[in-house]
């Protein structure tokens, strides 16, 4: 990693530390708004996503030995978090983080696989 990338990662992690974690009750309430598409649905979805960004980082950190950069992992993981929320609101009763983790893991592993194919 270069200095600029290191600084971006540090800034991102510092910003994440300011986001309070979700409680189970808060998550349930937010999901009710998202599923009902009421006037609070958009802000509820945003809070659900923000409350789970640290999950993306924790999964990404497990794969840092590969050739893909942390920022790429975070971007890929964040995109998969959004896809998980889209699917979750339609079908699941698990906690959102439990449901989203495999989406994030799969996206990061696909990024690693794509990078290894690009190197050949």
Protein backbone atom coordinates (compact mmCIF):
# COMPACT_ATOMS: atom_id res chain seq x y z
CA UNK A 1 0.00 0.00 0.00
CA UNK A 2 1.17 3.50 -0.60
CA UNK A 3 0.96 6.40 1.80
CA UNK A 4 -2.10 7.91 0.13
CA UNK A 5 -3.98 4.60 0.31
CA UNK A 6 -2.92 4.10 3.93
CA UNK A 7 -4.26 7.55 4.77
CA UNK A 8 -7.58 6.82 3.04
CA UNK A 9 -7.98 3.57 4.94
CA UNK A 10 -7.14 5.26 8.24
CA UNK A 11 -9.62 8.05 7.51
CA UNK A 12 -12.34 5.52 6.63
CA UNK A 13 -11.74 3.49 9.78
CA UNK A 14 -11.77 6.64 11.89
CA UNK A 15 -15.10 7.65 10.34
CA UNK A 16 -16.54 4.18 11.00
CA UNK A 17 -15.62 4.44 14.65
CA UNK A 18 -18.05 7.37 14.98
CA UNK A 19 -21.04 5.28 13.85
CA UNK A 20 -22.84 3.72 16.81
CA UNK A 21 -23.53 -0.01 16.55
CA UNK A 22 -27.07 -1.20 16.00
CA UNK A 23 -28.99 -2.83 18.80
CA UNK A 24 -31.25 -5.77 18.00
CA UNK A 25 -34.34 -3.65 18.77
CA UNK A 26 -33.11 -0.80 16.59
CA UNK A 27 -32.43 -3.21 13.73
CA UNK A 28 -35.95 -4.66 14.03
CA UNK A 29 -37.53 -1.22 13.97
CA UNK A 30 -35.42 -0.13 11.00
CA UNK A 31 -36.36 -3.26 9.08
CA UNK A 32 -40.05 -2.61 9.69
CA UNK A 33 -39.65 0.81 8.06
CA UNK A 34 -37.67 -0.57 5.14
CA UNK A 35 -40.12 -3.39 4.51
CA UNK A 36 -43.17 -1.14 4.75
CA UNK A 37 -41.66 1.45 2.37
CA UNK A 38 -42.99 4.19 4.64
CA UNK A 39 -41.68 7.74 4.89
CA UNK A 40 -38.79 6.57 7.10
CA UNK A 41 -37.72 3.69 4.81
CA UNK A 42 -34.87 5.52 3.11
CA UNK A 43 -33.28 6.79 6.31
CA UNK A 44 -33.84 3.39 7.95
CA UNK A 45 -32.05 1.63 5.08
CA UNK A 46 -29.17 4.10 5.32
CA UNK A 47 -28.84 3.48 9.07
CA UNK A 48 -28.93 -0.30 8.57
CA UNK A 49 -26.15 -0.05 6.01
CA UNK A 50 -24.07 2.35 8.10
CA UNK A 51 -24.49 0.16 11.16
CA UNK A 52 -22.99 -2.77 9.26
CA UNK A 53 -20.03 -1.11 7.52
CA UNK A 54 -17.72 -2.37 10.24
CA UNK A 55 -18.82 -5.91 9.35
CA UNK A 56 -17.47 -5.30 5.84
CA UNK A 57 -14.14 -4.15 7.28
CA UNK A 58 -13.85 -7.12 9.62
CA UNK A 59 -14.46 -9.56 6.76
CA UNK A 60 -12.10 -7.66 4.45
CA UNK A 61 -9.32 -7.72 7.05
CA UNK A 62 -9.35 -11.53 7.00
CA UNK A 63 -8.24 -11.46 3.34
CA UNK A 64 -5.56 -8.78 3.39
CA UNK A 65 -2.77 -11.14 2.40
CA UNK A 66 -4.08 -11.28 -1.15
CA UNK A 67 -3.14 -8.87 -3.92
CA UNK A 68 -6.42 -6.91 -3.71
CA UNK A 69 -6.17 -3.62 -1.80
CA UNK A 70 -8.18 -2.95 1.35
CA UNK A 71 -10.06 -0.08 -0.30
CA UNK A 72 -11.11 -2.38 -3.13
CA UNK A 73 -12.32 -4.95 -0.60
CA UNK A 74 -14.29 -2.29 1.25
CA UNK A 75 -15.90 -0.99 -1.95
CA UNK A 76 -16.80 -4.51 -3.07
CA UNK A 77 -18.06 -5.43 0.39
CA UNK A 78 -20.13 -2.27 0.71
CA UNK A 79 -21.77 -2.94 -2.66
CA UNK A 80 -22.61 -6.48 -1.56
CA UNK A 81 -24.02 -5.10 1.70
CA UNK A 82 -26.48 -3.05 -0.37
CA UNK A 83 -27.44 -6.13 -2.40
CA UNK A 84 -27.94 -8.10 0.80
CA UNK A 85 -30.32 -5.44 2.11
CA UNK A 86 -32.32 -5.55 -1.12
CA UNK A 87 -32.72 -9.33 -0.81
CA UNK A 88 -33.08 -9.36 2.96
CA UNK A 89 -36.14 -7.16 3.00
CA UNK A 90 -37.94 -9.66 0.81
CA UNK A 91 -37.20 -12.98 2.45
CA UNK A 92 -35.26 -13.29 5.69
CA UNK A 93 -35.97 -13.30 9.38
CA UNK A 94 -32.29 -13.61 10.47
CA UNK A 95 -30.47 -10.62 11.84
CA UNK A 96 -29.27 -8.48 8.98
CA UNK A 97 -25.58 -8.89 9.81
CA UNK A 98 -25.91 -12.70 9.86
CA UNK A 99 -27.69 -12.56 6.51
CA UNK A 100 -25.26 -10.06 4.95
CA UNK A 101 -21.98 -11.70 6.00
CA UNK A 102 -22.04 -14.44 3.31
CA UNK A 103 -22.83 -11.82 0.63
CA UNK A 104 -19.81 -9.80 1.71
CA UNK A 105 -17.55 -12.86 2.00
CA UNK A 106 -18.57 -14.12 -1.44
CA UNK A 107 -18.02 -10.71 -3.08
CA UNK A 108 -14.56 -10.37 -1.56
CA UNK A 109 -13.59 -13.91 -2.56
CA UNK A 110 -14.81 -13.17 -6.10
CA UNK A 111 -12.66 -10.02 -6.14
CA UNK A 112 -9.63 -12.09 -5.12
CA UNK A 113 -10.40 -14.70 -7.78
CA UNK A 114 -10.85 -11.99 -10.40
CA UNK A 115 -7.54 -10.41 -9.45
CA UNK A 116 -5.71 -13.75 -9.62
CA UNK A 117 -7.13 -14.38 -13.10
CA UNK A 118 -6.07 -10.89 -14.19
CA UNK A 119 -2.49 -11.61 -13.08
CA UNK A 120 -2.19 -14.60 -15.41
